[in-house]
Protein backbone atom coordinates (compact mmCIF):
# COMPACT_ATOMS: atom_id res chain seq x y z
CA MET A 1 -5.84 -5.36 43.64
CA ARG A 2 -6.89 -8.84 42.57
CA ALA A 3 -5.74 -8.06 39.00
CA PHE A 4 -2.33 -6.95 40.36
CA TRP A 5 -1.82 -10.28 42.28
CA ARG A 6 -2.94 -12.35 39.37
CA ALA A 7 -0.67 -10.48 36.97
CA ALA A 8 2.23 -10.87 39.39
CA ALA A 9 1.47 -14.67 39.54
CA ALA A 10 1.43 -14.78 35.75
CA GLY A 11 4.86 -13.20 35.64
CA ALA A 12 6.39 -15.30 38.27
CA ALA A 13 5.05 -18.41 36.61
CA SER A 14 6.39 -17.32 33.21
CA VAL A 15 9.86 -16.82 34.72
CA ALA A 16 9.71 -20.25 36.30
CA ALA A 17 8.88 -21.79 32.90
CA GLY A 18 11.77 -20.00 31.24
CA VAL A 19 14.33 -20.94 33.90
CA GLY A 20 13.07 -24.55 33.89
CA ALA A 21 13.48 -24.84 30.21
CA ALA A 22 16.96 -23.28 30.39
CA GLU A 23 18.02 -25.72 33.09
CA ILE A 24 16.97 -28.68 31.09
CA VAL A 25 18.94 -27.49 27.99
CA SER A 26 21.93 -26.63 30.24
CA ALA A 27 21.92 -30.06 31.74
CA ILE A 28 21.63 -31.97 28.44
CA GLY A 29 23.98 -29.93 26.19
CA VAL A 30 25.36 -26.66 27.61
CA GLN A 31 26.54 -27.60 31.03
CA ASP A 32 28.18 -24.20 31.78
CA GLY A 33 25.16 -22.15 30.85
CA SER A 34 22.70 -22.59 33.72
CA PRO A 35 21.24 -19.08 34.18
CA ILE A 36 21.00 -19.27 37.86
CA LEU A 37 24.57 -20.50 38.28
CA VAL A 38 26.16 -18.10 35.77
CA VAL A 39 24.31 -15.13 37.15
CA GLY A 40 25.23 -16.30 40.75
CA SER A 41 28.86 -16.52 39.72
CA LEU A 42 28.68 -13.06 38.25
CA VAL A 43 27.15 -11.74 41.52
CA ILE A 44 29.99 -13.34 43.44
CA ASP A 45 32.62 -11.70 41.16
CA LEU A 46 31.02 -8.21 41.35
CA THR A 47 30.23 -8.30 45.10
CA PRO A 48 32.66 -6.03 47.09
CA ALA A 49 34.94 -7.85 49.49
CA TRP A 50 33.38 -6.21 52.55
CA LEU A 51 29.97 -7.60 51.64
CA LYS A 52 31.34 -11.04 50.87
CA ASN A 53 32.96 -11.07 54.30
CA ALA A 54 29.76 -9.97 55.87
CA VAL A 55 27.78 -12.75 54.26
CA ILE A 56 30.40 -15.34 55.15
CA GLY A 57 30.38 -13.97 58.71
CA VAL A 58 26.70 -14.48 58.97
CA PHE A 59 26.12 -17.65 56.97
CA GLY A 60 29.54 -19.26 56.97
CA THR A 61 29.74 -22.31 54.59
CA GLY A 62 26.00 -21.81 53.86
CA ASP A 63 26.89 -18.69 51.84
CA LYS A 64 26.14 -20.23 48.47
CA THR A 65 22.82 -21.59 49.56
CA PHE A 66 21.91 -18.11 50.73
CA LEU A 67 23.00 -16.74 47.30
CA ILE A 68 20.94 -19.27 45.35
CA VAL A 69 17.81 -18.64 47.54
CA SER A 70 18.32 -14.94 47.19
CA LEU A 71 18.49 -15.28 43.44
CA ALA A 72 15.34 -17.39 43.36
CA VAL A 73 13.53 -14.62 45.42
CA VAL A 74 14.77 -11.94 43.01
CA LEU A 75 13.45 -14.00 40.08
CA VAL A 76 10.10 -14.41 41.67
CA VAL A 77 9.78 -10.74 42.47
CA GLY A 78 11.19 -9.66 39.16
CA GLY A 79 8.71 -11.99 37.42
CA GLY A 80 5.85 -10.61 39.38
CA LEU A 81 6.87 -7.04 38.52
CA ALA A 82 7.11 -8.03 34.77
CA GLY A 83 3.56 -9.47 35.02
CA TRP A 84 2.12 -6.28 36.55
CA VAL A 85 3.83 -4.09 34.03
CA GLU A 86 2.69 -6.22 31.23
CA LEU A 87 -0.92 -5.96 32.31
CA ARG A 88 -0.74 -2.19 32.53
CA ARG A 89 1.65 -1.23 29.73
CA PRO A 90 2.23 -4.10 27.31
CA PRO A 91 4.80 -5.10 26.00
CA LEU A 92 7.02 -3.57 28.71
CA GLY A 93 6.71 -6.68 30.95
CA ARG A 94 7.98 -8.84 28.19
CA VAL A 95 10.78 -6.42 27.60
CA LEU A 96 11.72 -6.73 31.25
CA ILE A 97 12.01 -10.47 30.89
CA GLY A 98 14.13 -9.99 27.77
CA VAL A 99 16.44 -7.81 29.80
CA GLY A 100 16.78 -10.58 32.34
CA GLY A 101 17.80 -12.93 29.56
CA VAL A 102 20.41 -10.39 28.35
CA VAL A 103 21.90 -10.31 31.90
CA GLY A 104 22.05 -14.11 31.99
CA ALA A 105 23.64 -14.19 28.57
CA PHE A 106 26.22 -11.59 29.61
CA ALA A 107 27.04 -13.51 32.80
CA ALA A 108 27.52 -16.78 30.65
CA ILE A 109 29.79 -15.42 28.03
CA THR A 110 31.97 -13.43 30.51
CA ARG A 111 32.75 -16.49 32.63
CA SER A 112 36.20 -17.98 32.44
CA GLY A 113 36.09 -20.22 29.39
CA GLY A 114 32.59 -19.01 28.44
CA GLY A 115 31.57 -19.12 24.74
CA ILE A 116 28.67 -18.16 22.46
CA VAL A 117 26.99 -21.56 23.01
CA ASP A 118 26.73 -20.85 26.75
CA VAL A 119 24.54 -17.98 25.99
CA LEU A 120 21.77 -20.33 24.65
CA PRO A 121 20.15 -21.31 28.01
CA SER A 122 19.62 -17.71 29.06
CA ALA A 123 18.28 -16.84 25.60
CA LEU A 124 15.85 -19.77 25.74
CA ALA A 125 14.77 -18.72 29.34
CA ALA A 126 13.90 -15.20 28.02
CA LEU A 127 12.08 -16.52 24.98
CA VAL A 128 9.98 -19.01 26.86
CA GLY A 129 9.23 -16.45 29.63
CA ILE A 130 8.13 -13.89 27.07
CA LEU A 131 5.80 -16.32 25.28
CA PHE A 132 4.26 -17.61 28.49
CA LEU A 133 3.79 -14.10 29.91
CA GLY A 134 2.02 -12.91 26.75
CA TRP A 135 -0.29 -15.98 26.85
CA LEU A 136 -1.11 -15.83 30.56
CA ILE A 137 -1.76 -12.04 30.52
CA GLY A 138 -3.95 -12.64 27.57
CA LEU A 139 -5.95 -15.08 29.54
CA LEU A 140 -6.11 -12.70 32.46
CA ARG A 141 -7.54 -9.98 30.23
CA GLY A 142 -10.18 -12.41 29.04
CA THR A 143 -9.25 -11.76 25.45
CA GLU A 144 -8.96 -15.44 24.47
CA PRO A 145 -11.80 -16.48 21.99
CA THR A 146 -12.79 -19.44 24.32
CA ARG A 147 -13.80 -16.98 27.08
CA VAL A 148 -17.35 -17.95 28.23
CA ALA A 149 -19.62 -17.14 31.10
CA PRO A 150 -20.71 -13.57 31.64
CA ASN A 151 -19.31 -13.46 35.14
CA GLY A 152 -15.89 -14.54 34.03
CA ALA A 153 -15.78 -17.51 36.37
CA VAL A 154 -14.73 -19.98 33.66
CA SER A 155 -12.13 -17.55 32.39
CA ARG A 156 -10.67 -17.05 35.86
CA ARG A 157 -10.46 -20.78 36.48
CA ARG A 158 -8.76 -21.28 33.21
CA PHE A 159 -6.18 -18.65 34.02
CA VAL A 160 -5.52 -20.17 37.47
CA THR A 161 -5.10 -23.53 35.99
CA ALA A 162 -2.81 -22.33 33.30
CA ALA A 163 -0.64 -20.22 35.70
CA THR A 164 -0.35 -22.99 38.23
CA GLY A 165 0.54 -25.54 35.59
CA THR A 166 3.14 -23.17 34.09
CA ALA A 167 4.80 -22.61 37.43
CA LEU A 168 4.89 -26.18 38.53
CA GLY A 169 6.11 -27.30 35.12
CA GLY A 170 8.95 -24.80 35.26
CA ILE A 171 9.94 -25.77 38.77
CA LEU A 172 9.91 -29.44 37.93
CA ALA A 173 12.05 -28.78 34.88
CA ALA A 174 14.55 -26.83 36.86
CA VAL A 175 14.79 -29.56 39.46
CA VAL A 176 15.30 -32.29 36.80
CA GLY A 177 17.90 -30.06 35.04
CA GLN A 178 19.89 -29.66 38.26
CA VAL A 179 19.69 -33.37 38.99
CA ILE A 180 21.31 -34.29 35.67
CA ALA A 181 23.64 -31.35 35.33
CA SER A 182 27.35 -31.06 35.05
CA GLY A 183 28.35 -34.69 35.51
CA TYR A 184 28.21 -34.35 39.29
CA ARG A 185 26.58 -37.74 39.73
CA ALA A 186 29.07 -39.36 37.52
CA ALA A 187 32.00 -37.87 39.36
CA ALA A 188 30.42 -38.96 42.65
CA ALA A 189 30.17 -42.48 41.36
CA ALA A 190 33.72 -42.42 40.10
CA ARG A 191 34.83 -41.21 43.60
CA ALA A 192 32.87 -43.91 45.33
CA ALA A 193 34.66 -46.60 43.20
CA PHE A 194 38.08 -45.01 43.68
CA HIS A 195 40.47 -46.54 46.33
CA LEU A 196 43.40 -44.46 47.45
CA PRO A 197 46.82 -45.98 46.78
CA LYS A 198 48.98 -46.73 49.77
CA PRO A 199 51.37 -43.92 50.67
CA ALA A 200 54.99 -44.28 49.95
CA VAL A 201 55.68 -42.04 52.95
CA THR A 202 53.27 -42.23 55.85
CA ALA A 203 52.55 -39.36 58.25
CA PRO A 204 54.12 -39.77 61.70
CA PRO A 205 51.53 -40.95 64.19
CA VAL A 206 49.63 -38.26 66.06
CA PRO A 207 51.17 -37.97 69.58
CA ALA A 208 49.03 -39.33 72.33
CA GLY A 209 49.31 -36.06 74.13
CA ALA A 210 48.21 -33.97 71.07
CA SER A 211 44.55 -33.93 72.08
CA PHE A 212 42.72 -33.06 75.32
CA ASP A 213 39.50 -34.88 76.30
CA ILE A 214 37.42 -31.71 76.83
CA ALA A 215 33.77 -31.53 75.66
CA GLY A 216 33.35 -28.77 73.09
CA LEU A 217 37.00 -28.51 72.28
CA SER A 218 37.70 -28.80 68.43
CA PRO A 219 39.11 -32.28 67.56
CA ILE A 220 42.79 -32.22 66.61
CA VAL A 221 41.88 -33.69 63.20
CA THR A 222 38.67 -32.31 61.61
CA PRO A 223 36.23 -34.91 60.12
CA ASN A 224 35.62 -34.37 56.40
CA ALA A 225 32.00 -33.56 56.99
CA ASP A 226 33.01 -30.76 59.34
CA PHE A 227 35.78 -29.26 57.37
CA TYR A 228 35.11 -25.71 56.41
CA ARG A 229 34.32 -24.96 52.80
CA ILE A 230 34.82 -21.55 51.25
CA ASP A 231 35.11 -21.14 47.50
CA THR A 232 33.38 -19.46 44.58
CA ALA A 233 31.91 -22.49 42.90
CA LEU A 234 28.09 -22.46 42.93
CA GLN A 235 28.16 -25.72 40.96
CA ILE A 236 30.80 -28.18 42.03
CA PRO A 237 32.80 -29.32 38.96
CA GLY A 238 32.03 -32.93 37.94
CA ILE A 239 35.49 -34.02 36.82
CA GLN A 240 35.93 -37.59 35.67
CA PRO A 241 39.32 -38.72 36.80
CA GLN A 242 40.23 -40.17 33.32
CA ASP A 243 39.62 -36.64 31.98
CA TRP A 244 41.71 -34.80 34.51
CA ARG A 245 45.04 -33.24 33.31
CA LEU A 246 47.56 -31.05 35.08
CA LYS A 247 49.70 -28.83 32.97
CA ILE A 248 52.69 -26.90 34.22
CA THR A 249 53.16 -23.94 31.88
CA GLY A 250 54.59 -20.46 31.65
CA MET A 251 58.14 -19.47 32.53
CA VAL A 252 59.55 -22.96 32.45
CA GLU A 253 62.12 -24.79 30.39
CA THR A 254 59.96 -27.78 29.74
CA GLU A 255 56.12 -27.85 29.96
CA VAL A 256 54.87 -30.79 31.94
CA GLU A 257 51.49 -32.62 31.63
CA LEU A 258 50.24 -35.17 34.08
CA THR A 259 47.27 -37.55 34.06
CA PHE A 260 45.44 -38.76 37.11
CA ALA A 261 46.85 -42.25 36.61
CA GLN A 262 50.38 -40.93 36.30
CA LEU A 263 49.87 -38.89 39.47
CA LEU A 264 48.70 -41.94 41.41
CA ALA A 265 51.72 -43.93 40.17
CA LEU A 266 54.00 -41.50 41.79
CA PRO A 267 55.27 -42.07 45.40
CA LEU A 268 52.54 -40.29 47.37
CA GLU A 269 53.14 -38.81 50.82
CA GLU A 270 50.92 -38.35 53.86
CA SER A 271 50.99 -35.12 55.93
CA ILE A 272 48.80 -33.43 58.39
CA THR A 273 48.25 -29.80 57.60
CA THR A 274 45.93 -27.13 58.90
CA LEU A 275 44.19 -24.89 56.35
CA THR A 276 42.80 -21.43 57.11
CA CYS A 277 40.61 -19.02 55.27
CA VAL A 278 41.68 -15.47 55.10
CA SER A 279 38.01 -14.50 55.76
CA ASN A 280 38.25 -16.11 59.17
CA GLU A 281 37.37 -13.49 61.82
CA VAL A 282 39.17 -13.48 65.18
CA GLY A 283 37.75 -16.47 66.98
CA GLY A 284 36.17 -17.75 63.75
CA ASP A 285 35.73 -21.34 62.58
CA LEU A 286 37.04 -21.09 59.03
CA ILE A 287 39.96 -23.24 59.91
CA SER A 288 40.36 -27.05 59.98
CA ASN A 289 42.98 -29.66 60.18
CA ALA A 290 43.27 -32.94 58.15
CA LEU A 291 45.46 -35.86 57.06
CA TRP A 292 46.31 -35.33 53.33
CA LEU A 293 47.69 -37.77 50.77
CA GLY A 294 49.45 -36.31 47.73
CA TYR A 295 52.53 -35.71 45.79
CA PRO A 296 54.96 -32.82 46.47
CA ILE A 297 54.60 -30.03 43.98
CA ARG A 298 58.26 -29.22 44.16
CA HIS A 299 59.22 -32.41 42.47
CA LEU A 300 56.95 -31.60 39.50
CA LEU A 301 58.28 -28.00 39.28
CA ALA A 302 61.75 -29.51 39.26
CA ARG A 303 60.81 -31.36 36.10
CA ALA A 304 59.59 -28.10 34.53
CA LYS A 305 62.65 -26.11 35.57
CA PRO A 306 61.18 -22.71 36.28
CA SER A 307 63.03 -19.66 34.97
CA ALA A 308 65.28 -17.89 37.54
CA ASP A 309 63.17 -14.71 37.02
CA ALA A 310 59.85 -16.45 38.09
CA ASP A 311 58.54 -15.77 41.52
CA MET A 312 54.95 -16.87 41.43
CA VAL A 313 52.89 -19.84 40.38
CA LEU A 314 49.27 -18.95 39.21
CA SER A 315 47.19 -22.12 39.79
CA HIS A 316 44.05 -22.53 37.66
CA SER A 317 40.85 -24.41 38.78
CA GLN A 318 38.51 -26.20 36.46
CA ASP A 319 35.89 -23.61 37.22
CA GLY A 320 38.10 -20.70 36.28
CA TRP A 321 39.20 -19.57 39.74
CA THR A 322 42.93 -18.68 40.16
CA ALA A 323 45.43 -18.26 43.03
CA GLY A 324 48.84 -16.74 43.07
CA THR A 325 51.29 -18.63 45.27
CA PRO A 326 54.93 -17.59 45.92
CA LEU A 327 57.16 -19.96 44.00
CA THR A 328 59.33 -20.49 47.01
CA ALA A 329 56.40 -21.78 49.01
CA LEU A 330 56.03 -24.60 46.49
CA THR A 331 59.77 -25.39 46.17
CA ASP A 332 61.10 -25.22 49.75
CA GLU A 333 61.05 -27.94 52.31
CA ARG A 334 57.45 -27.58 53.29
CA ASN A 335 55.12 -30.30 52.09
CA ALA A 336 53.12 -28.40 49.46
CA ILE A 337 51.26 -31.11 47.59
CA LEU A 338 48.76 -32.09 45.01
CA ALA A 339 46.34 -33.85 47.24
CA VAL A 340 44.11 -36.80 46.23
CA GLY A 341 43.17 -37.98 49.72
CA MET A 342 41.74 -36.44 52.80
CA ASN A 343 41.54 -38.22 56.19
CA GLY A 344 42.00 -41.60 54.57
CA GLN A 345 39.34 -41.11 51.86
CA PRO A 346 39.35 -39.70 48.37
CA LEU A 347 38.91 -36.01 48.37
CA PRO A 348 35.19 -35.11 48.70
CA LEU A 349 33.82 -33.44 45.59
CA GLU A 350 33.27 -30.18 47.47
CA HIS A 351 36.92 -30.15 48.53
CA GLY A 352 38.45 -30.57 45.16
CA TYR A 353 38.06 -34.11 43.84
CA PRO A 354 39.98 -35.43 42.01
CA VAL A 355 42.98 -33.20 42.83
CA ARG A 356 43.52 -30.03 44.86
CA MET A 357 46.46 -28.02 46.25
CA VAL A 358 47.41 -28.02 49.92
CA VAL A 359 50.20 -25.61 50.89
CA PRO A 360 51.12 -25.23 54.55
CA GLY A 361 51.53 -21.67 56.01
CA LEU A 362 49.49 -19.78 53.42
CA TYR A 363 45.84 -18.64 53.44
CA GLY A 364 43.67 -20.61 51.07
CA TYR A 365 43.01 -17.68 48.71
CA VAL A 366 46.66 -17.71 47.57
CA SER A 367 47.31 -21.41 47.69
CA ALA A 368 44.51 -23.98 48.22
CA THR A 369 43.23 -24.31 44.69
CA LYS A 370 40.49 -26.94 44.37
CA TRP A 371 39.84 -28.92 41.13
CA VAL A 372 43.36 -27.64 40.03
CA VAL A 373 44.17 -28.23 36.33
CA GLU A 374 47.05 -25.89 35.67
CA LEU A 375 50.17 -24.44 37.29
CA GLU A 376 51.40 -21.39 35.31
CA VAL A 377 54.81 -20.25 36.43
CA THR A 378 55.00 -16.47 36.18
CA ARG A 379 55.78 -13.37 38.15
CA PHE A 380 53.80 -11.19 40.57
CA ASP A 381 54.40 -8.19 38.50
CA LYS A 382 52.94 -10.00 35.34
CA ALA A 383 49.86 -11.78 36.62
CA THR A 384 47.10 -11.35 39.21
CA SER A 385 44.66 -13.83 40.62
CA TYR A 386 40.96 -13.93 41.49
CA TRP A 387 41.23 -12.29 44.99
CA THR A 388 44.08 -9.98 44.34
CA ASP A 389 42.00 -8.41 41.61
CA ARG A 390 39.48 -7.69 44.32
CA GLY A 391 41.72 -5.86 46.72
CA TRP A 392 43.44 -8.62 48.68
CA SER A 393 47.19 -8.71 49.22
CA GLU A 394 49.42 -10.67 46.83
CA ARG A 395 50.95 -12.89 49.49
CA GLY A 396 48.96 -14.31 52.33
CA PRO A 397 51.07 -15.90 55.08
CA VAL A 398 48.82 -17.23 57.86
CA LYS A 399 48.81 -14.98 61.02
CA LEU A 400 49.51 -16.11 64.51
CA GLU A 401 46.04 -16.54 66.12
CA SER A 402 44.25 -18.35 68.96
CA ARG A 403 40.67 -19.17 69.76
CA ILE A 404 38.70 -20.05 72.88
CA ASP A 405 36.31 -23.04 72.14
CA VAL A 406 35.11 -23.64 75.71
CA PRO A 407 33.22 -22.18 77.46
CA ALA A 408 31.22 -20.73 74.63
CA ASP A 409 30.74 -16.96 74.59
CA GLY A 410 27.77 -15.91 76.63
CA ARG A 411 27.53 -19.28 78.41
CA GLN A 412 26.76 -19.70 82.05
CA VAL A 413 29.03 -21.97 84.14
CA LYS A 414 29.15 -23.21 87.71
CA ALA A 415 31.55 -21.73 90.23
CA GLY A 416 34.67 -23.75 90.91
CA THR A 417 37.38 -25.11 88.51
CA VAL A 418 36.25 -24.44 84.89
CA ALA A 419 38.16 -25.77 81.89
CA VAL A 420 38.99 -22.96 79.46
CA ALA A 421 40.28 -24.47 76.23
CA GLY A 422 40.78 -23.87 72.56
CA VAL A 423 43.22 -24.04 69.76
CA ALA A 424 46.15 -21.81 68.51
CA TRP A 425 48.01 -21.70 65.23
CA SER A 426 50.84 -20.16 63.28
CA GLN A 427 51.19 -22.56 60.29
CA HIS A 428 54.71 -23.39 59.19
CA VAL A 429 56.06 -21.59 62.20
CA GLY A 430 54.56 -23.35 65.20
CA VAL A 431 53.09 -22.23 68.55
CA SER A 432 55.24 -22.31 71.69
CA ALA A 433 52.98 -20.85 74.26
CA VAL A 434 49.33 -19.76 75.08
CA HIS A 435 48.27 -17.38 77.81
CA VAL A 436 44.84 -16.62 79.20
CA GLN A 437 43.73 -13.43 80.86
CA ILE A 438 40.71 -13.10 83.23
CA ASP A 439 39.03 -9.70 83.63
CA GLY A 440 42.03 -7.79 82.48
CA GLY A 441 44.44 -9.28 85.18
CA ASP A 442 47.81 -10.87 84.67
CA TRP A 443 48.36 -13.23 81.79
CA GLN A 444 48.34 -16.88 82.97
CA GLN A 445 50.21 -19.65 81.11
CA ALA A 446 47.93 -22.39 79.64
CA THR A 447 48.92 -25.94 79.13
CA LEU A 448 49.70 -26.80 75.50
CA ALA A 449 48.96 -30.22 74.00
CA ASP A 450 51.76 -31.90 72.15
CA ALA A 451 52.47 -30.49 68.71
CA ILE A 452 51.90 -32.64 65.63
CA SER A 453 54.07 -30.37 63.51
CA VAL A 454 54.62 -26.69 62.79
CA ASP A 455 52.03 -26.96 60.10
CA THR A 456 49.05 -27.82 62.43
CA TRP A 457 47.19 -26.09 65.10
CA ARG A 458 47.69 -26.95 68.90
CA GLN A 459 45.12 -27.43 71.43
CA TRP A 460 45.54 -25.64 74.85
CA LYS A 461 43.73 -25.67 78.20
CA TYR A 462 43.69 -23.64 81.35
CA ALA A 463 42.08 -24.47 84.76
CA TRP A 464 40.15 -21.40 85.92
CA ASP A 465 39.03 -20.94 89.44
CA ALA A 466 35.76 -19.36 88.52
CA THR A 467 33.99 -17.14 91.08
CA PRO A 468 30.36 -15.96 90.81
CA GLY A 469 29.57 -12.95 88.58
CA SER A 470 30.27 -11.81 85.02
CA HIS A 471 33.71 -12.32 83.56
CA THR A 472 35.72 -11.65 80.47
CA ILE A 473 38.31 -14.08 79.12
CA LYS A 474 40.92 -13.37 76.60
CA VAL A 475 43.61 -15.58 74.94
CA ARG A 476 46.79 -14.91 73.11
CA ALA A 477 49.48 -17.17 71.62
CA THR A 478 53.31 -16.93 71.19
CA ASP A 479 54.85 -18.57 68.14
CA ALA A 480 58.00 -20.61 67.92
CA HIS A 481 60.02 -17.49 67.09
CA GLY A 482 58.95 -15.83 70.27
CA THR A 483 56.56 -13.32 68.62
CA VAL A 484 53.52 -12.62 70.70
CA GLN A 485 50.08 -12.42 69.10
CA THR A 486 49.13 -8.80 68.51
CA ALA A 487 46.12 -7.24 70.27
CA LYS A 488 45.71 -4.73 67.41
CA VAL A 489 42.33 -5.22 65.79
CA GLN A 490 42.39 -5.55 61.95
CA ASP A 491 39.68 -6.67 59.52
CA VAL A 492 40.14 -9.69 57.36
CA VAL A 493 40.88 -7.48 54.34
CA PRO A 494 43.49 -7.30 52.82
CA ASP A 495 45.50 -10.14 54.42
CA GLY A 496 43.73 -11.63 57.43
CA ALA A 497 42.20 -10.46 60.71
CA THR A 498 44.07 -9.75 63.91
CA GLY A 499 43.15 -9.13 67.53
CA LEU A 500 42.61 -11.20 70.68
CA HIS A 501 39.67 -13.50 70.88
CA THR A 502 37.51 -12.45 73.88
CA ILE A 503 34.49 -14.06 75.40
CA SER A 504 32.15 -13.17 78.21
CA VAL A 505 30.78 -15.80 80.66
CA THR A 506 28.49 -15.72 83.69
CA VAL A 507 29.44 -17.84 86.78
CA ALA A 508 26.54 -18.93 88.99
């Protein structure tokens, strides 16, 4: 049994050494080849939608941390298995590490924009892991010529020292590699030095009556630090603003190319827009509202003069992600923009710095491309995007929804007047009414806060005369067209969840 654990430790240490070496090489010269990140991206691409939704439902915006930790656990366990196999049936353990390297190489070369050079870090990881495993297992068997002491004590100490040093060295190298990788720090420094230009068109002031002063109620404008983040980027692209270019290509009369400086020189406009993730469950928190600064996309498309046959714009992110947006949503009166600012600050790196798309009325998977670098004018019957390739619908208009923020589900409250409050939304349509139901009774009209615009959510509140006991509270909204929110329960796939948010509370 001791031999098993020592062999497993040798394997785990060897894998750590290999990954550490690969991360250093990736950081210095092959920035898109990090084995952990390319394999993680492959896992994201291959994971079925239902499992992705389940992970997001459990971990929310911590889904990427969960994935990276899970991959680290798999590497440790896989390395331990390789060590045990190598001890019993050499060289099968080294072959197992080699297979891991092949998986990393495959993940690297199949990424969007991946090339043969991106394979090098995974190949190096496998080579270093194989060499260290052979050495450490050799020490464990006591076959080294320096073996002394009949009881093997010196040999065991040497093995423990070698395995520990190998593991720590690999971990340190991986950490150092990640610190210097992908230009993230340089991009962060550039963002810190960047000052937003003054808008040519300022957003109308938020009405004084747009927000209720109720503890626990979502603020009408979401702070940047609290704004939800859902994307497929394990490693945030580190784009220097001087290197950023936007190209408008495809079915256009004239291709357009725009630099960051040219974008900033245009008359930028402010607008307040609520963004929603299609993975948002009924009552979920994958929705936020912010003040954006950017330039209307419709003006740039007008320069390019799309073909009359075009009906879709396929936007491309720097990290290879794509979204298919109806052309009409980018050319009608809504303020679909290339955003450079968020709540009076430059875009945070994780929210698309230096430039992202913000399109009112559509779920993010078909519109809100971060780190956007290309707008390809095309047709829905000619091109597909990242999520439509995975079973989601082509067009994703935001559905009419409402949510109860307070009291929280399962909370105990005191008898008497209790504030029930939350938010409702139907982006680019608007909300006209919200009703609350207690214990299956009649629907009671709630009080709506003033609307900012049809592109933002609205707060609502209801004064409930709470009596002792257990109670169920439901909410439903009505949009500006008179459509009442459906009670039909539907999963987030393929085009957004439906149903009425329901909570249970106990009144003492």
